[in-house]
Amino acid sequence: MIDACLRDSYIPSEALRCIQVGLLCLQLHPNDRPNMTYVLAMLTNEIVLAQPKEPGLIIQRVSNERESTTKPSSNNEVTISLIGAR
């Protein structure tokens, strides 16, 4: 998960902390996700991090008559509103 071009220029414990915070932000239920204030606190302080639960984006196998494909799906109950000019 860490780019090879970084080689020895990162601290492994800090990289793992960033990955864990990212996973906490992807939890399935919005109430389980941290707010941005808490994300900043987790990244800058030595707060004990919770274990992530199920991520909100799950890769599911979708079968078709002709072929079987994998597609990402999300169940986050978010709507998108497009605003157009008059």
PDB file of N, CA and C in Angstrom:
ATOM      1  N   MET A   1       0.815  -1.196   0.000  1.00  0.00           N
ATOM      2  CA  MET A   1       0.000   0.000   0.000  1.00  0.00           C
ATOM      3  C   MET A   1       0.860   1.262   0.000  1.00  0.00           C
ATOM      4  N   ILE A   2       2.130   1.105   0.291  1.00  0.00           N
ATOM      5  CA  ILE A   2       3.025   2.260   0.324  1.00  0.00           C
ATOM      6  C   ILE A   2       3.838   2.258  -0.963  1.00  0.00           C
ATOM      7  N   ASP A   3       3.859   3.402  -1.627  1.00  0.00           N
ATOM      8  CA  ASP A   3       4.554   3.519  -2.908  1.00  0.00           C
ATOM      9  C   ASP A   3       6.025   3.169  -2.749  1.00  0.00           C
ATOM     10  N   ALA A   4       6.525   2.357  -3.657  1.00  0.00           N
ATOM     11  CA  ALA A   4       7.916   1.903  -3.617  1.00  0.00           C
ATOM     12  C   ALA A   4       8.906   3.054  -3.767  1.00  0.00           C
ATOM     13  N   CYS A   5       8.500   4.144  -4.400  1.00  0.00           N
ATOM     14  CA  CYS A   5       9.433   5.269  -4.588  1.00  0.00           C
ATOM     15  C   CYS A   5       9.771   5.960  -3.256  1.00  0.00           C
ATOM     16  N   LEU A   6       8.985   5.696  -2.217  1.00  0.00           N
ATOM     17  CA  LEU A   6       9.267   6.296  -0.906  1.00  0.00           C
ATOM     18  C   LEU A   6      10.425   5.583  -0.201  1.00  0.00           C
ATOM     19  N   ARG A   7      10.643   4.340  -0.534  1.00  0.00           N
ATOM     20  CA  ARG A   7      11.702   3.495   0.032  1.00  0.00           C
ATOM     21  C   ARG A   7      11.820   3.688   1.537  1.00  0.00           C
ATOM     22  N   ASP A   8      12.934   4.230   1.989  1.00  0.00           N
ATOM     23  CA  ASP A   8      13.184   4.386   3.427  1.00  0.00           C
ATOM     24  C   ASP A   8      12.894   5.794   3.928  1.00  0.00           C
ATOM     25  N   SER A   9      12.100   6.575   3.178  1.00  0.00           N
ATOM     26  CA  SER A   9      11.866   7.966   3.567  1.00  0.00           C
ATOM     27  C   SER A   9      10.593   8.149   4.387  1.00  0.00           C
ATOM     28  N   TYR A  10      10.032   7.067   4.905  1.00  0.00           N
ATOM     29  CA  TYR A  10       8.836   7.168   5.739  1.00  0.00           C
ATOM     30  C   TYR A  10       9.034   6.343   7.003  1.00  0.00           C
ATOM     31  N   ILE A  11       8.244   6.662   8.011  1.00  0.00           N
ATOM     32  CA  ILE A  11       8.268   5.912   9.262  1.00  0.00           C
ATOM     33  C   ILE A  11       7.134   4.894   9.191  1.00  0.00           C
ATOM     34  N   PRO A  12       7.450   3.601   9.222  1.00  0.00           N
ATOM     35  CA  PRO A  12       6.415   2.578   9.050  1.00  0.00           C
ATOM     36  C   PRO A  12       5.218   2.724   9.997  1.00  0.00           C
ATOM     37  N   SER A  13       5.441   3.064  11.242  1.00  0.00           N
ATOM     38  CA  SER A  13       4.325   3.182  12.184  1.00  0.00           C
ATOM     39  C   SER A  13       3.395   4.339  11.792  1.00  0.00           C
ATOM     40  N   GLU A  14       3.956   5.422  11.248  1.00  0.00           N
ATOM     41  CA  GLU A  14       3.135   6.551  10.799  1.00  0.00           C
ATOM     42  C   GLU A  14       2.345   6.169   9.546  1.00  0.00           C
ATOM     43  N   ALA A  15       2.968   5.427   8.644  1.00  0.00           N
ATOM     44  CA  ALA A  15       2.267   4.990   7.430  1.00  0.00           C
ATOM     45  C   ALA A  15       1.105   4.071   7.791  1.00  0.00           C
ATOM     46  N   LEU A  16       1.328   3.134   8.696  1.00  0.00           N
ATOM     47  CA  LEU A  16       0.266   2.229   9.124  1.00  0.00           C
ATOM     48  C   LEU A  16      -0.854   2.995   9.825  1.00  0.00           C
ATOM     49  N   ARG A  17      -0.517   4.026  10.574  1.00  0.00           N
ATOM     50  CA  ARG A  17      -1.517   4.860  11.244  1.00  0.00           C
ATOM     51  C   ARG A  17      -2.393   5.563  10.199  1.00  0.00           C
ATOM     52  N   CYS A  18      -1.781   6.108   9.165  1.00  0.00           N
ATOM     53  CA  CYS A  18      -2.534   6.780   8.096  1.00  0.00           C
ATOM     54  C   CYS A  18      -3.464   5.802   7.384  1.00  0.00           C
ATOM     55  N   ILE A  19      -2.986   4.589   7.138  1.00  0.00           N
ATOM     56  CA  ILE A  19      -3.824   3.577   6.484  1.00  0.00           C
ATOM     57  C   ILE A  19      -5.006   3.226   7.370  1.00  0.00           C
ATOM     58  N   GLN A  20      -4.763   3.059   8.685  1.00  0.00           N
ATOM     59  CA  GLN A  20      -5.850   2.706   9.595  1.00  0.00           C
ATOM     60  C   GLN A  20      -6.870   3.838   9.703  1.00  0.00           C
ATOM     61  N   VAL A  21      -6.415   5.093   9.753  1.00  0.00           N
ATOM     62  CA  VAL A  21      -7.345   6.226   9.783  1.00  0.00           C
ATOM     63  C   VAL A  21      -8.175   6.251   8.503  1.00  0.00           C
ATOM     64  N   GLY A  22      -7.541   5.983   7.367  1.00  0.00           N
ATOM     65  CA  GLY A  22      -8.270   5.921   6.102  1.00  0.00           C
ATOM     66  C   GLY A  22      -9.346   4.855   6.123  1.00  0.00           C
ATOM     67  N   LEU A  23      -9.034   3.693   6.681  1.00  0.00           N
ATOM     68  CA  LEU A  23     -10.028   2.626   6.777  1.00  0.00           C
ATOM     69  C   LEU A  23     -11.173   3.004   7.716  1.00  0.00           C
ATOM     70  N   LEU A  24     -10.868   3.730   8.780  1.00  0.00           N
ATOM     71  CA  LEU A  24     -11.929   4.192   9.680  1.00  0.00           C
ATOM     72  C   LEU A  24     -12.883   5.147   8.955  1.00  0.00           C
ATOM     73  N   CYS A  25     -12.366   5.911   8.002  1.00  0.00           N
ATOM     74  CA  CYS A  25     -13.193   6.858   7.246  1.00  0.00           C
ATOM     75  C   CYS A  25     -14.058   6.163   6.192  1.00  0.00           C
ATOM     76  N   LEU A  26     -13.805   4.892   5.917  1.00  0.00           N
ATOM     77  CA  LEU A  26     -14.540   4.144   4.890  1.00  0.00           C
ATOM     78  C   LEU A  26     -15.562   3.168   5.460  1.00  0.00           C
ATOM     79  N   GLN A  27     -15.857   3.277   6.743  1.00  0.00           N
ATOM     80  CA  GLN A  27     -16.771   2.317   7.351  1.00  0.00           C
ATOM     81  C   GLN A  27     -18.158   2.403   6.730  1.00  0.00           C
ATOM     82  N   LEU A  28     -18.850   1.272   6.735  1.00  0.00           N
ATOM     83  CA  LEU A  28     -20.140   1.150   6.072  1.00  0.00           C
ATOM     84  C   LEU A  28     -21.171   2.135   6.604  1.00  0.00           C
ATOM     85  N   HIS A  29     -21.298   2.255   7.903  1.00  0.00           N
ATOM     86  CA  HIS A  29     -22.304   3.130   8.505  1.00  0.00           C
ATOM     87  C   HIS A  29     -21.705   4.504   8.805  1.00  0.00           C
ATOM     88  N   PRO A  30     -22.328   5.575   8.309  1.00  0.00           N
ATOM     89  CA  PRO A  30     -21.788   6.923   8.509  1.00  0.00           C
ATOM     90  C   PRO A  30     -21.543   7.283   9.975  1.00  0.00           C
ATOM     91  N   ASN A  31     -22.370   6.780  10.874  1.00  0.00           N
ATOM     92  CA  ASN A  31     -22.183   7.100  12.300  1.00  0.00           C
ATOM     93  C   ASN A  31     -20.909   6.482  12.868  1.00  0.00           C
ATOM     94  N   ASP A  32     -20.360   5.468  12.196  1.00  0.00           N
ATOM     95  CA  ASP A  32     -19.120   4.829  12.641  1.00  0.00           C
ATOM     96  C   ASP A  32     -17.883   5.567  12.139  1.00  0.00           C
ATOM     97  N   ARG A  33     -18.069   6.475  11.193  1.00  0.00           N
ATOM     98  CA  ARG A  33     -16.934   7.202  10.607  1.00  0.00           C
ATOM     99  C   ARG A  33     -16.575   8.405  11.480  1.00  0.00           C
ATOM    100  N   PRO A  34     -15.280   8.705  11.618  1.00  0.00           N
ATOM    101  CA  PRO A  34     -14.868   9.875  12.409  1.00  0.00           C
ATOM    102  C   PRO A  34     -15.121  11.176  11.651  1.00  0.00           C
ATOM    103  N   ASN A  35     -15.363  12.265  12.400  1.00  0.00           N
ATOM    104  CA  ASN A  35     -15.478  13.572  11.743  1.00  0.00           C
ATOM    105  C   ASN A  35     -14.064  14.106  11.502  1.00  0.00           C
ATOM    106  N   MET A  36     -13.954  15.184  10.739  1.00  0.00           N
ATOM    107  CA  MET A  36     -12.638  15.686  10.342  1.00  0.00           C
ATOM    108  C   MET A  36     -11.804  16.159  11.532  1.00  0.00           C
ATOM    109  N   THR A  37     -12.445  16.706  12.553  1.00  0.00           N
ATOM    110  CA  THR A  37     -11.707  17.138  13.743  1.00  0.00           C
ATOM    111  C   THR A  37     -11.022  15.940  14.384  1.00  0.00           C
ATOM    112  N   TYR A  38     -11.761  14.838  14.486  1.00  0.00           N
ATOM    113  CA  TYR A  38     -11.207  13.634  15.096  1.00  0.00           C
ATOM    114  C   TYR A  38     -10.146  13.003  14.194  1.00  0.00           C
ATOM    115  N   VAL A  39     -10.338  13.076  12.863  1.00  0.00           N
ATOM    116  CA  VAL A  39      -9.325  12.562  11.931  1.00  0.00           C
ATOM    117  C   VAL A  39      -8.008  13.302  12.147  1.00  0.00           C
ATOM    118  N   LEU A  40      -8.075  14.625  12.235  1.00  0.00           N
ATOM    119  CA  LEU A  40      -6.855  15.407  12.478  1.00  0.00           C
ATOM    120  C   LEU A  40      -6.211  15.025  13.801  1.00  0.00           C
ATOM    121  N   ALA A  41      -7.029  14.831  14.834  1.00  0.00           N
ATOM    122  CA  ALA A  41      -6.498  14.429  16.134  1.00  0.00           C
ATOM    123  C   ALA A  41      -5.836  13.055  16.050  1.00  0.00           C
ATOM    124  N   MET A  42      -6.436  12.141  15.303  1.00  0.00           N
ATOM    125  CA  MET A  42      -5.857  10.798  15.161  1.00  0.00           C
ATOM    126  C   MET A  42      -4.532  10.844  14.413  1.00  0.00           C
ATOM    127  N   LEU A  43      -4.423  11.734  13.434  1.00  0.00           N
ATOM    128  CA  LEU A  43      -3.200  11.816  12.641  1.00  0.00           C
ATOM    129  C   LEU A  43      -2.075  12.555  13.354  1.00  0.00           C
ATOM    130  N   THR A  44      -2.415  13.489  14.236  1.00  0.00           N
ATOM    131  CA  THR A  44      -1.383  14.313  14.864  1.00  0.00           C
ATOM    132  C   THR A  44      -1.063  13.924  16.293  1.00  0.00           C
ATOM    133  N   ASN A  45      -1.912  13.164  16.953  1.00  0.00           N
ATOM    134  CA  ASN A  45      -1.708  12.787  18.352  1.00  0.00           C
ATOM    135  C   ASN A  45      -1.549  11.290  18.485  1.00  0.00           C
ATOM    136  N   GLU A  46      -1.199  10.888  19.647  1.00  0.00           N
ATOM    137  CA  GLU A  46      -1.059   9.461  19.930  1.00  0.00           C
ATOM    138  C   GLU A  46      -2.352   8.906  20.510  1.00  0.00           C
ATOM    139  N   ILE A  47      -3.470   9.150  19.841  1.00  0.00           N
ATOM    140  CA  ILE A  47      -4.762   8.607  20.239  1.00  0.00           C
ATOM    141  C   ILE A  47      -4.785   7.137  19.838  1.00  0.00           C
ATOM    142  N   VAL A  48      -5.282   6.287  20.732  1.00  0.00           N
ATOM    143  CA  VAL A  48      -5.417   4.874  20.400  1.00  0.00           C
ATOM    144  C   VAL A  48      -6.537   4.745  19.371  1.00  0.00           C
ATOM    145  N   LEU A  49      -6.223   4.146  18.238  1.00  0.00           N
ATOM    146  CA  LEU A  49      -7.187   4.038  17.147  1.00  0.00           C
ATOM    147  C   LEU A  49      -8.064   2.807  17.322  1.00  0.00           C
ATOM    148  N   ALA A  50      -9.331   2.960  16.978  1.00  0.00           N
ATOM    149  CA  ALA A  50     -10.266   1.840  16.998  1.00  0.00           C
ATOM    150  C   ALA A  50      -9.978   0.933  15.815  1.00  0.00           C
ATOM    151  N   GLN A  51     -10.407  -0.315  15.910  1.00  0.00           N
ATOM    152  CA  GLN A  51     -10.289  -1.232  14.782  1.00  0.00           C
ATOM    153  C   GLN A  51     -11.402  -0.920  13.784  1.00  0.00           C
ATOM    154  N   PRO A  52     -11.073  -0.781  12.497  1.00  0.00           N
ATOM    155  CA  PRO A  52     -12.101  -0.513  11.488  1.00  0.00           C
ATOM    156  C   PRO A  52     -13.088  -1.672  11.385  1.00  0.00           C
ATOM    157  N   LYS A  53     -14.337  -1.318  11.084  1.00  0.00           N
ATOM    158  CA  LYS A  53     -15.366  -2.320  10.831  1.00  0.00           C
ATOM    159  C   LYS A  53     -15.426  -2.548   9.328  1.00  0.00           C
ATOM    160  N   GLU A  54     -16.541  -3.053   8.828  1.00  0.00           N
ATOM    161  CA  GLU A  54     -16.696  -3.328   7.412  1.00  0.00           C
ATOM    162  C   GLU A  54     -16.623  -2.034   6.601  1.00  0.00           C
ATOM    163  N   PRO A  55     -15.819  -2.008   5.530  1.00  0.00           N
ATOM    164  CA  PRO A  55     -15.729  -0.785   4.717  1.00  0.00           C
ATOM    165  C   PRO A  55     -17.022  -0.530   3.952  1.00  0.00           C
ATOM    166  N   GLY A  56     -17.260   0.726   3.611  1.00  0.00           N
ATOM    167  CA  GLY A  56     -18.470   1.116   2.896  1.00  0.00           C
ATOM    168  C   GLY A  56     -18.455   0.739   1.436  1.00  0.00           C
ATOM    169  N   LEU A  57     -17.288   0.551   0.858  1.00  0.00           N
ATOM    170  CA  LEU A  57     -17.178   0.164  -0.544  1.00  0.00           C
ATOM    171  C   LEU A  57     -16.789  -1.299  -0.588  1.00  0.00           C
ATOM    172  N   ILE A  58     -17.653  -2.104  -1.153  1.00  0.00           N
ATOM    173  CA  ILE A  58     -17.431  -3.538  -1.203  1.00  0.00           C
ATOM    174  C   ILE A  58     -17.407  -3.978  -2.662  1.00  0.00           C
ATOM    175  N   ILE A  59     -16.416  -4.747  -3.014  1.00  0.00           N
ATOM    176  CA  ILE A  59     -16.346  -5.289  -4.365  1.00  0.00           C
ATOM    177  C   ILE A  59     -17.232  -6.537  -4.394  1.00  0.00           C
ATOM    178  N   GLN A  60     -18.217  -6.519  -5.284  1.00  0.00           N
ATOM    179  CA  GLN A  60     -19.144  -7.638  -5.379  1.00  0.00           C
ATOM    180  C   GLN A  60     -19.059  -8.273  -6.759  1.00  0.00           C
ATOM    181  N   ARG A  61     -19.292  -9.551  -6.815  1.00  0.00           N
ATOM    182  CA  ARG A  61     -19.311 -10.279  -8.075  1.00  0.00           C
ATOM    183  C   ARG A  61     -20.704 -10.150  -8.673  1.00  0.00           C
ATOM    184  N   VAL A  62     -20.780  -9.645  -9.909  1.00  0.00           N
ATOM    185  CA  VAL A  62     -22.052  -9.473 -10.606  1.00  0.00           C
ATOM    186  C   VAL A  62     -22.059 -10.439 -11.767  1.00  0.00           C
ATOM    187  N   SER A  63     -23.069 -11.289 -11.823  1.00  0.00           N
ATOM    188  CA  SER A  63     -23.107 -12.262 -12.908  1.00  0.00           C
ATOM    189  C   SER A  63     -24.033 -11.774 -14.009  1.00  0.00           C
ATOM    190  N   ASN A  64     -23.633 -12.046 -15.211  1.00  0.00           N
ATOM    191  CA  ASN A  64     -24.356 -11.673 -16.406  1.00  0.00           C
ATOM    192  C   ASN A  64     -24.527 -12.954 -17.214  1.00  0.00           C
ATOM    193  N   GLU A  65     -25.472 -12.979 -18.130  1.00  0.00           N
ATOM    194  CA  GLU A  65     -25.665 -14.174 -18.950  1.00  0.00           C
ATOM    195  C   GLU A  65     -24.416 -14.520 -19.744  1.00  0.00           C
ATOM    196  N   ARG A  66     -23.756 -13.510 -20.283  1.00  0.00           N
ATOM    197  CA  ARG A  66     -22.594 -13.757 -21.132  1.00  0.00           C
ATOM    198  C   ARG A  66     -21.280 -13.791 -20.364  1.00  0.00           C
ATOM    199  N   GLU A  67     -21.158 -12.949 -19.327  1.00  0.00           N
ATOM    200  CA  GLU A  67     -19.884 -12.852 -18.637  1.00  0.00           C
ATOM    201  C   GLU A  67     -20.095 -12.515 -17.171  1.00  0.00           C
ATOM    202  N   SER A  68     -19.076 -12.742 -16.408  1.00  0.00           N
ATOM    203  CA  SER A  68     -19.103 -12.433 -14.982  1.00  0.00           C
ATOM    204  C   SER A  68     -18.084 -11.324 -14.750  1.00  0.00           C
ATOM    205  N   THR A  69     -18.501 -10.235 -14.136  1.00  0.00           N
ATOM    206  CA  THR A  69     -17.610  -9.102 -13.924  1.00  0.00           C
ATOM    207  C   THR A  69     -17.637  -8.686 -12.463  1.00  0.00           C
ATOM    208  N   THR A  70     -16.630  -7.939 -12.080  1.00  0.00           N
ATOM    209  CA  THR A  70     -16.562  -7.393 -10.734  1.00  0.00           C
ATOM    210  C   THR A  70     -16.747  -5.893 -10.840  1.00  0.00           C
ATOM    211  N   LYS A  71     -17.622  -5.346 -10.004  1.00  0.00           N
ATOM    212  CA  LYS A  71     -17.812  -3.899 -10.020  1.00  0.00           C
ATOM    213  C   LYS A  71     -17.922  -3.390  -8.596  1.00  0.00           C
ATOM    214  N   PRO A  72     -17.403  -2.175  -8.341  1.00  0.00           N
ATOM    215  CA  PRO A  72     -17.522  -1.619  -6.994  1.00  0.00           C
ATOM    216  C   PRO A  72     -18.951  -1.138  -6.749  1.00  0.00           C
ATOM    217  N   SER A  73     -19.384  -1.275  -5.530  1.00  0.00           N
ATOM    218  CA  SER A  73     -20.694  -0.747  -5.179  1.00  0.00           C
ATOM    219  C   SER A  73     -20.603  -0.111  -3.808  1.00  0.00           C
ATOM    220  N   SER A  74     -21.439   0.860  -3.559  1.00  0.00           N
ATOM    221  CA  SER A  74     -21.423   1.572  -2.289  1.00  0.00           C
ATOM    222  C   SER A  74     -22.841   1.668  -1.756  1.00  0.00           C
ATOM    223  N   ASN A  75     -22.976   1.512  -0.476  1.00  0.00           N
ATOM    224  CA  ASN A  75     -24.273   1.603   0.185  1.00  0.00           C
ATOM    225  C   ASN A  75     -24.188   2.688   1.245  1.00  0.00           C
ATOM    226  N   ASN A  76     -23.936   3.921   0.823  1.00  0.00           N
ATOM    227  CA  ASN A  76     -23.740   4.989   1.790  1.00  0.00           C
ATOM    228  C   ASN A  76     -24.895   5.974   1.867  1.00  0.00           C
ATOM    229  N   GLU A  77     -25.974   5.732   1.152  1.00  0.00           N
ATOM    230  CA  GLU A  77     -27.182   6.537   1.202  1.00  0.00           C
ATOM    231  C   GLU A  77     -26.929   8.025   0.966  1.00  0.00           C
ATOM    232  N   VAL A  78     -26.034   8.339   0.037  1.00  0.00           N
ATOM    233  CA  VAL A  78     -25.719   9.716  -0.307  1.00  0.00           C
ATOM    234  C   VAL A  78     -26.400  10.051  -1.623  1.00  0.00           C
ATOM    235  N   THR A  79     -26.959  11.237  -1.711  1.00  0.00           N
ATOM    236  CA  THR A  79     -27.570  11.673  -2.969  1.00  0.00           C
ATOM    237  C   THR A  79     -26.713  12.758  -3.592  1.00  0.00           C
ATOM    238  N   ILE A  80     -26.810  12.903  -4.885  1.00  0.00           N
ATOM    239  CA  ILE A  80     -26.074  13.928  -5.607  1.00  0.00           C
ATOM    240  C   ILE A  80     -27.082  14.850  -6.277  1.00  0.00           C
ATOM    241  N   SER A  81     -26.941  16.133  -6.044  1.00  0.00           N
ATOM    242  CA  SER A  81     -27.810  17.126  -6.660  1.00  0.00           C
ATOM    243  C   SER A  81     -26.982  17.930  -7.662  1.00  0.00           C
ATOM    244  N   LEU A  82     -27.450  17.980  -8.893  1.00  0.00           N
ATOM    245  CA  LEU A  82     -26.783  18.774  -9.911  1.00  0.00           C
ATOM    246  C   LEU A  82     -27.517  20.103 -10.037  1.00  0.00           C
ATOM    247  N   ILE A  83     -26.761  21.165  -9.953  1.00  0.00           N
ATOM    248  CA  ILE A  83     -27.356  22.491 -10.032  1.00  0.00           C
ATOM    249  C   ILE A  83     -27.023  23.063 -11.400  1.00  0.00           C
ATOM    250  N   GLY A  84     -28.058  23.479 -12.131  1.00  0.00           N
ATOM    251  CA  GLY A  84     -27.855  24.042 -13.455  1.00  0.00           C
ATOM    252  C   GLY A  84     -28.171  25.534 -13.472  1.00  0.00           C
ATOM    253  N   ALA A  85     -27.521  26.236 -14.345  1.00  0.00           N
ATOM    254  CA  ALA A  85     -27.773  27.682 -14.471  1.00  0.00           C
ATOM    255  C   ALA A  85     -29.082  27.896 -15.216  1.00  0.00           C
ATOM    256  N   ARG A  86     -29.709  29.005 -14.957  1.00  0.00           N
ATOM    257  CA  ARG A  86     -30.953  29.350 -15.649  1.00  0.00           C
ATOM    258  C   ARG A  86     -30.686  29.964 -16.976  1.00  0.00           C
TER     259      ARG A  86
END
